[in-house]
Amino acid sequence: MRDYLEDVFVAGKPCDCDVVVECQAGDPTPLEVKLTNQSKGTVGPFALTVIPYQDYQNGVHNNDLGNAVTSIGSNTFYIDAVKSTEDCVCSGALLFLYAGDYYLNIKFHDDNSNRELPLSWFCLPSVHVRAMDPIQHAKF
């Protein structure tokens, strides 16, 4: 059993690495990450960072998206503590300025080596988001 459960929602739709979530390029896209602590003790403080990238399907990831994707607010969420069996919700939004396929790499980080954060918390699955061109996405 893992030490946590994660629920990731993009544009209000649950998603994981096997599901492509579609959104509208040019419109703010809500993002929510809910973490449930299943370990026996409290974990934290730590931070969760959302890093958008493009995958060219040849092993090359483009992390330098320039102005193609921007965070509305911060892309890093600071979490003081999550008690055993409780959860924490991090909410934000992304703005995809151009149509295309993007991925969200969601990572935990902890700067204090004196604390023990379960290793399983450091790797959440990537989320696949397809930003659609508003003209092509319109229904006639």
N, C-alpha and C. Protein backbone atom coordinates (compact mmCIF):
# COMPACT_ATOMS: atom_id res chain seq x y z
N MET A 1 0.85 -1.19 0.00
CA MET A 1 0.00 0.00 0.00
C MET A 1 0.88 1.24 0.00
N ARG A 2 0.52 2.22 -0.81
CA ARG A 2 1.28 3.46 -0.86
C ARG A 2 0.98 4.30 0.37
N ASP A 3 1.89 5.23 0.65
CA ASP A 3 1.74 6.12 1.80
C ASP A 3 0.80 7.29 1.51
N TYR A 4 0.34 7.43 0.28
CA TYR A 4 -0.53 8.54 -0.07
C TYR A 4 -1.47 8.12 -1.19
N LEU A 5 -2.53 8.85 -1.36
CA LEU A 5 -3.41 8.76 -2.53
C LEU A 5 -3.42 10.13 -3.16
N GLU A 6 -3.36 10.19 -4.48
CA GLU A 6 -3.44 11.47 -5.15
C GLU A 6 -4.62 11.47 -6.10
N ASP A 7 -5.30 12.57 -6.15
CA ASP A 7 -6.36 12.79 -7.12
C ASP A 7 -6.00 14.07 -7.84
N VAL A 8 -5.86 14.00 -9.15
CA VAL A 8 -5.50 15.16 -9.95
C VAL A 8 -6.69 15.48 -10.86
N PHE A 9 -7.09 16.75 -10.84
CA PHE A 9 -8.20 17.22 -11.67
C PHE A 9 -7.69 18.37 -12.53
N VAL A 10 -7.94 18.28 -13.83
CA VAL A 10 -7.63 19.36 -14.77
C VAL A 10 -8.95 19.72 -15.44
N ALA A 11 -9.27 21.00 -15.40
CA ALA A 11 -10.54 21.50 -15.95
C ALA A 11 -11.72 20.75 -15.34
N GLY A 12 -11.59 20.39 -14.06
CA GLY A 12 -12.67 19.72 -13.35
C GLY A 12 -12.80 18.24 -13.64
N LYS A 13 -11.93 17.69 -14.49
CA LYS A 13 -12.01 16.29 -14.88
C LYS A 13 -10.90 15.49 -14.20
N PRO A 14 -11.24 14.34 -13.59
CA PRO A 14 -10.18 13.52 -12.99
C PRO A 14 -9.27 12.98 -14.08
N CYS A 15 -7.98 12.90 -13.78
CA CYS A 15 -7.06 12.41 -14.79
C CYS A 15 -5.89 11.69 -14.14
N ASP A 16 -5.24 10.88 -14.93
CA ASP A 16 -3.99 10.23 -14.55
C ASP A 16 -3.18 10.05 -15.82
N CYS A 17 -2.14 9.25 -15.76
CA CYS A 17 -1.24 9.14 -16.91
C CYS A 17 -1.88 8.45 -18.11
N ASP A 18 -3.01 7.74 -17.93
CA ASP A 18 -3.64 7.03 -19.03
C ASP A 18 -4.78 7.81 -19.69
N VAL A 19 -5.10 8.99 -19.17
CA VAL A 19 -6.23 9.75 -19.67
C VAL A 19 -5.74 11.09 -20.22
N VAL A 20 -6.21 11.46 -21.41
CA VAL A 20 -5.89 12.77 -21.98
C VAL A 20 -7.04 13.71 -21.64
N VAL A 21 -6.73 14.81 -21.00
CA VAL A 21 -7.74 15.81 -20.65
C VAL A 21 -7.67 16.93 -21.67
N GLU A 22 -8.81 17.28 -22.25
CA GLU A 22 -8.84 18.36 -23.22
C GLU A 22 -9.27 19.65 -22.56
N CYS A 23 -8.65 20.74 -23.01
CA CYS A 23 -9.02 22.07 -22.54
C CYS A 23 -8.93 23.02 -23.73
N GLN A 24 -9.33 24.23 -23.52
CA GLN A 24 -9.35 25.25 -24.57
C GLN A 24 -8.09 26.11 -24.48
N ALA A 25 -7.31 26.18 -25.54
CA ALA A 25 -6.16 27.08 -25.56
C ALA A 25 -6.67 28.51 -25.43
N GLY A 26 -6.01 29.29 -24.60
CA GLY A 26 -6.39 30.68 -24.40
C GLY A 26 -7.32 30.91 -23.23
N ASP A 27 -7.87 29.85 -22.66
CA ASP A 27 -8.75 29.98 -21.49
C ASP A 27 -8.03 29.44 -20.26
N PRO A 28 -8.23 30.06 -19.10
CA PRO A 28 -7.64 29.51 -17.87
C PRO A 28 -8.16 28.09 -17.62
N THR A 29 -7.26 27.20 -17.27
CA THR A 29 -7.61 25.80 -17.02
C THR A 29 -7.36 25.48 -15.55
N PRO A 30 -8.43 25.24 -14.79
CA PRO A 30 -8.26 24.94 -13.36
C PRO A 30 -7.48 23.65 -13.14
N LEU A 31 -6.65 23.64 -12.12
CA LEU A 31 -5.85 22.48 -11.73
C LEU A 31 -6.03 22.26 -10.24
N GLU A 32 -6.27 21.02 -9.85
CA GLU A 32 -6.40 20.69 -8.43
C GLU A 32 -5.69 19.37 -8.16
N VAL A 33 -4.84 19.36 -7.14
CA VAL A 33 -4.17 18.14 -6.71
C VAL A 33 -4.58 17.90 -5.26
N LYS A 34 -5.22 16.76 -5.02
CA LYS A 34 -5.64 16.39 -3.66
C LYS A 34 -4.77 15.23 -3.20
N LEU A 35 -4.12 15.41 -2.07
CA LEU A 35 -3.25 14.37 -1.50
C LEU A 35 -3.85 13.87 -0.20
N THR A 36 -3.93 12.56 -0.05
CA THR A 36 -4.42 11.96 1.18
C THR A 36 -3.28 11.17 1.80
N ASN A 37 -2.95 11.51 3.04
CA ASN A 37 -1.86 10.85 3.76
C ASN A 37 -2.35 9.53 4.33
N GLN A 38 -1.78 8.43 3.87
CA GLN A 38 -2.13 7.11 4.38
C GLN A 38 -1.05 6.53 5.28
N SER A 39 -0.02 7.32 5.57
CA SER A 39 1.02 6.82 6.46
C SER A 39 0.54 6.95 7.91
N LYS A 40 1.31 6.37 8.82
CA LYS A 40 0.90 6.36 10.23
C LYS A 40 1.19 7.67 10.94
N GLY A 41 1.98 8.54 10.33
CA GLY A 41 2.33 9.79 10.98
C GLY A 41 2.09 11.00 10.09
N THR A 42 2.25 12.16 10.69
CA THR A 42 2.13 13.42 9.97
C THR A 42 3.35 13.58 9.06
N VAL A 43 3.14 14.09 7.85
CA VAL A 43 4.24 14.40 6.95
C VAL A 43 4.22 15.89 6.65
N GLY A 44 5.40 16.46 6.45
CA GLY A 44 5.50 17.87 6.12
C GLY A 44 6.46 18.57 7.05
N PRO A 45 6.79 19.79 6.78
CA PRO A 45 6.38 20.58 5.60
C PRO A 45 7.14 20.16 4.34
N PHE A 46 6.51 20.42 3.22
CA PHE A 46 7.11 20.15 1.93
C PHE A 46 6.41 21.02 0.90
N ALA A 47 6.85 20.92 -0.33
CA ALA A 47 6.24 21.70 -1.41
C ALA A 47 5.90 20.78 -2.57
N LEU A 48 4.92 21.18 -3.34
CA LEU A 48 4.50 20.46 -4.53
C LEU A 48 4.62 21.45 -5.69
N THR A 49 5.30 21.05 -6.76
CA THR A 49 5.50 21.92 -7.91
C THR A 49 4.95 21.27 -9.17
N VAL A 50 4.24 22.04 -9.97
CA VAL A 50 3.69 21.58 -11.25
C VAL A 50 4.56 22.16 -12.36
N ILE A 51 5.16 21.27 -13.16
CA ILE A 51 6.07 21.69 -14.23
C ILE A 51 5.51 21.20 -15.57
N PRO A 52 5.02 22.11 -16.42
CA PRO A 52 4.54 21.69 -17.73
C PRO A 52 5.72 21.42 -18.68
N TYR A 53 5.53 20.44 -19.56
CA TYR A 53 6.55 20.13 -20.57
C TYR A 53 5.87 19.51 -21.78
N GLN A 54 6.61 19.40 -22.87
CA GLN A 54 6.14 18.69 -24.06
C GLN A 54 7.03 17.48 -24.26
N ASP A 55 6.42 16.38 -24.71
CA ASP A 55 7.12 15.13 -24.95
C ASP A 55 7.07 14.88 -26.45
N TYR A 56 8.23 14.80 -27.07
CA TYR A 56 8.28 14.62 -28.51
C TYR A 56 8.24 13.14 -28.91
N GLN A 57 7.94 12.26 -27.97
CA GLN A 57 7.77 10.82 -28.20
C GLN A 57 9.03 10.14 -28.73
N ASN A 58 10.17 10.79 -28.61
CA ASN A 58 11.42 10.17 -29.02
C ASN A 58 12.42 10.21 -27.86
N GLY A 59 11.90 10.34 -26.67
CA GLY A 59 12.75 10.40 -25.49
C GLY A 59 13.19 11.80 -25.13
N VAL A 60 12.80 12.78 -25.95
CA VAL A 60 13.19 14.16 -25.69
C VAL A 60 12.02 14.92 -25.07
N HIS A 61 12.28 15.56 -23.93
CA HIS A 61 11.27 16.39 -23.27
C HIS A 61 11.68 17.85 -23.40
N ASN A 62 10.73 18.68 -23.78
CA ASN A 62 10.98 20.12 -23.88
C ASN A 62 10.41 20.79 -22.63
N ASN A 63 11.30 21.16 -21.70
CA ASN A 63 10.89 21.84 -20.48
C ASN A 63 10.90 23.36 -20.63
N ASP A 64 11.47 23.85 -21.72
CA ASP A 64 11.55 25.30 -21.95
C ASP A 64 10.41 25.70 -22.89
N LEU A 65 9.24 25.91 -22.31
CA LEU A 65 8.07 26.22 -23.12
C LEU A 65 7.88 27.71 -23.35
N GLY A 66 8.78 28.50 -22.81
CA GLY A 66 8.69 29.95 -23.02
C GLY A 66 7.36 30.48 -22.55
N ASN A 67 6.65 31.13 -23.46
CA ASN A 67 5.34 31.69 -23.14
C ASN A 67 4.18 30.80 -23.54
N ALA A 68 4.43 29.55 -23.91
CA ALA A 68 3.37 28.66 -24.37
C ALA A 68 2.41 28.29 -23.24
N VAL A 69 2.93 28.14 -22.03
CA VAL A 69 2.13 27.79 -20.87
C VAL A 69 2.55 28.68 -19.72
N THR A 70 1.58 29.22 -19.02
CA THR A 70 1.90 30.03 -17.86
C THR A 70 1.00 29.63 -16.69
N SER A 71 1.51 29.77 -15.50
CA SER A 71 0.72 29.51 -14.30
C SER A 71 -0.01 30.79 -13.92
N ILE A 72 -1.25 30.63 -13.57
CA ILE A 72 -2.00 31.77 -13.03
C ILE A 72 -1.83 31.66 -11.53
N GLY A 73 -1.03 32.53 -10.97
CA GLY A 73 -0.59 32.37 -9.59
C GLY A 73 0.71 31.60 -9.59
N SER A 74 0.98 30.90 -8.55
CA SER A 74 2.22 30.16 -8.43
C SER A 74 2.08 28.74 -8.95
N ASN A 75 3.18 28.16 -9.44
CA ASN A 75 3.16 26.75 -9.82
C ASN A 75 3.70 25.88 -8.68
N THR A 76 4.03 26.50 -7.54
CA THR A 76 4.52 25.76 -6.36
C THR A 76 3.57 26.02 -5.19
N PHE A 77 3.20 24.94 -4.52
CA PHE A 77 2.30 25.00 -3.38
C PHE A 77 3.07 24.53 -2.14
N TYR A 78 3.08 25.35 -1.11
CA TYR A 78 3.78 25.02 0.13
C TYR A 78 2.78 24.43 1.12
N ILE A 79 3.12 23.28 1.65
CA ILE A 79 2.23 22.52 2.53
C ILE A 79 2.93 22.35 3.87
N ASP A 80 2.31 22.86 4.93
CA ASP A 80 2.91 22.76 6.27
C ASP A 80 2.93 21.33 6.76
N ALA A 81 1.79 20.68 6.79
CA ALA A 81 1.71 19.31 7.30
C ALA A 81 0.41 18.67 6.84
N VAL A 82 0.47 17.36 6.66
CA VAL A 82 -0.72 16.57 6.38
C VAL A 82 -0.73 15.45 7.42
N LYS A 83 -1.73 15.49 8.29
CA LYS A 83 -1.83 14.48 9.34
C LYS A 83 -2.27 13.14 8.76
N SER A 84 -1.99 12.08 9.50
CA SER A 84 -2.37 10.74 9.09
C SER A 84 -3.87 10.69 8.82
N THR A 85 -4.25 10.06 7.72
CA THR A 85 -5.62 9.87 7.22
C THR A 85 -6.30 11.17 6.80
N GLU A 86 -5.62 12.30 6.80
CA GLU A 86 -6.21 13.56 6.35
C GLU A 86 -5.70 13.88 4.95
N ASP A 87 -6.30 14.90 4.34
CA ASP A 87 -5.87 15.28 3.00
C ASP A 87 -5.59 16.77 2.91
N CYS A 88 -4.97 17.13 1.81
CA CYS A 88 -4.60 18.51 1.51
C CYS A 88 -4.93 18.74 0.04
N VAL A 89 -5.52 19.88 -0.27
CA VAL A 89 -5.88 20.20 -1.65
C VAL A 89 -5.09 21.42 -2.10
N CYS A 90 -4.40 21.29 -3.23
CA CYS A 90 -3.67 22.40 -3.85
C CYS A 90 -4.41 22.79 -5.12
N SER A 91 -4.83 24.05 -5.21
CA SER A 91 -5.61 24.51 -6.36
C SER A 91 -4.90 25.66 -7.05
N GLY A 92 -4.93 25.65 -8.36
CA GLY A 92 -4.34 26.72 -9.15
C GLY A 92 -4.95 26.69 -10.54
N ALA A 93 -4.30 27.33 -11.48
CA ALA A 93 -4.78 27.32 -12.86
C ALA A 93 -3.59 27.50 -13.80
N LEU A 94 -3.75 26.96 -14.99
CA LEU A 94 -2.74 27.10 -16.05
C LEU A 94 -3.39 27.76 -17.25
N LEU A 95 -2.60 28.46 -18.02
CA LEU A 95 -3.06 29.09 -19.24
C LEU A 95 -2.21 28.56 -20.39
N PHE A 96 -2.82 27.75 -21.25
CA PHE A 96 -2.13 27.23 -22.44
C PHE A 96 -2.42 28.21 -23.56
N LEU A 97 -1.40 28.89 -24.05
CA LEU A 97 -1.60 29.93 -25.06
C LEU A 97 -1.65 29.38 -26.47
N TYR A 98 -1.13 28.17 -26.67
CA TYR A 98 -1.11 27.57 -28.00
C TYR A 98 -1.69 26.16 -27.93
N ALA A 99 -2.35 25.75 -29.01
CA ALA A 99 -2.88 24.39 -29.08
C ALA A 99 -1.71 23.41 -29.11
N GLY A 100 -1.94 22.23 -28.58
CA GLY A 100 -0.92 21.19 -28.60
C GLY A 100 -1.07 20.24 -27.42
N ASP A 101 -0.21 19.24 -27.40
CA ASP A 101 -0.19 18.26 -26.32
C ASP A 101 0.88 18.66 -25.32
N TYR A 102 0.48 18.71 -24.06
CA TYR A 102 1.37 19.07 -22.97
C TYR A 102 1.25 18.03 -21.87
N TYR A 103 2.26 17.97 -21.05
CA TYR A 103 2.25 17.09 -19.90
C TYR A 103 2.57 17.91 -18.66
N LEU A 104 2.02 17.49 -17.53
CA LEU A 104 2.29 18.15 -16.27
C LEU A 104 3.05 17.18 -15.38
N ASN A 105 4.26 17.56 -15.03
CA ASN A 105 5.07 16.78 -14.10
C ASN A 105 4.82 17.36 -12.72
N ILE A 106 4.30 16.56 -11.81
CA ILE A 106 3.96 17.03 -10.46
C ILE A 106 4.96 16.41 -9.50
N LYS A 107 5.74 17.27 -8.85
CA LYS A 107 6.83 16.79 -7.99
C LYS A 107 6.73 17.36 -6.58
N PHE A 108 7.14 16.55 -5.63
CA PHE A 108 7.30 17.00 -4.26
C PHE A 108 8.75 17.35 -4.04
N HIS A 109 9.02 18.28 -3.16
CA HIS A 109 10.39 18.50 -2.74
C HIS A 109 10.41 18.95 -1.30
N ASP A 110 11.49 18.58 -0.64
CA ASP A 110 11.67 18.84 0.78
C ASP A 110 13.12 19.25 0.97
N ASP A 111 13.33 20.43 1.51
CA ASP A 111 14.69 20.95 1.67
C ASP A 111 15.35 20.54 2.97
N ASN A 112 14.60 19.96 3.87
CA ASN A 112 15.14 19.62 5.18
C ASN A 112 15.46 18.13 5.23
N SER A 113 16.73 17.79 5.22
CA SER A 113 17.13 16.39 5.22
C SER A 113 16.91 15.72 6.57
N ASN A 114 16.58 16.50 7.61
CA ASN A 114 16.32 15.91 8.93
C ASN A 114 14.94 15.27 9.01
N ARG A 115 14.04 15.64 8.11
CA ARG A 115 12.71 15.07 8.11
C ARG A 115 12.66 13.90 7.16
N GLU A 116 11.79 12.98 7.46
CA GLU A 116 11.65 11.82 6.59
C GLU A 116 10.32 11.91 5.85
N LEU A 117 10.37 12.11 4.56
CA LEU A 117 9.19 12.11 3.71
C LEU A 117 9.23 10.80 2.93
N PRO A 118 8.15 10.02 2.94
CA PRO A 118 8.18 8.74 2.23
C PRO A 118 8.62 8.92 0.78
N LEU A 119 9.53 8.05 0.31
CA LEU A 119 10.06 8.17 -1.05
C LEU A 119 8.96 8.11 -2.10
N SER A 120 7.90 7.36 -1.83
CA SER A 120 6.82 7.25 -2.82
C SER A 120 6.13 8.58 -3.09
N TRP A 121 6.30 9.55 -2.20
CA TRP A 121 5.68 10.86 -2.39
C TRP A 121 6.39 11.69 -3.45
N PHE A 122 7.57 11.31 -3.85
CA PHE A 122 8.35 12.15 -4.75
C PHE A 122 8.01 11.94 -6.23
N CYS A 123 7.20 10.98 -6.57
CA CYS A 123 6.88 10.73 -7.98
C CYS A 123 5.40 10.53 -8.18
N LEU A 124 4.74 11.55 -8.62
CA LEU A 124 3.35 11.42 -9.04
C LEU A 124 3.33 11.18 -10.54
N PRO A 125 2.31 10.51 -11.07
CA PRO A 125 2.28 10.28 -12.52
C PRO A 125 2.12 11.59 -13.28
N SER A 126 2.69 11.64 -14.49
CA SER A 126 2.50 12.80 -15.34
C SER A 126 1.07 12.84 -15.84
N VAL A 127 0.58 14.04 -16.10
CA VAL A 127 -0.78 14.24 -16.58
C VAL A 127 -0.70 14.77 -18.01
N HIS A 128 -1.48 14.19 -18.92
CA HIS A 128 -1.48 14.57 -20.33
C HIS A 128 -2.65 15.53 -20.57
N VAL A 129 -2.34 16.72 -21.06
CA VAL A 129 -3.36 17.74 -21.35
C VAL A 129 -3.26 18.11 -22.83
N ARG A 130 -4.39 18.12 -23.51
CA ARG A 130 -4.43 18.53 -24.91
C ARG A 130 -5.16 19.88 -24.98
N ALA A 131 -4.41 20.92 -25.30
CA ALA A 131 -5.00 22.25 -25.47
C ALA A 131 -5.50 22.35 -26.90
N MET A 132 -6.79 22.57 -27.02
CA MET A 132 -7.43 22.59 -28.33
C MET A 132 -7.53 24.02 -28.85
N ASP A 133 -7.37 24.17 -30.16
CA ASP A 133 -7.57 25.46 -30.81
C ASP A 133 -9.04 25.82 -30.68
N PRO A 134 -9.37 27.04 -30.24
CA PRO A 134 -10.78 27.41 -30.05
C PRO A 134 -11.63 27.24 -31.30
N ILE A 135 -11.09 27.49 -32.48
CA ILE A 135 -11.85 27.39 -33.72
C ILE A 135 -12.12 25.92 -34.06
N GLN A 136 -11.11 25.06 -33.90
CA GLN A 136 -11.30 23.64 -34.20
C GLN A 136 -12.16 22.96 -33.15
N HIS A 137 -12.16 23.47 -31.95
CA HIS A 137 -12.88 22.85 -30.84
C HIS A 137 -14.35 23.24 -30.82
N ALA A 138 -14.71 24.29 -31.57
CA ALA A 138 -16.11 24.75 -31.59
C ALA A 138 -17.00 23.71 -32.24
N LYS A 139 -18.19 23.55 -31.69
CA LYS A 139 -19.15 22.60 -32.24
C LYS A 139 -20.14 23.37 -33.12
N PHE A 140 -20.31 22.87 -34.31
CA PHE A 140 -21.22 23.53 -35.25
C PHE A 140 -22.53 22.79 -35.29
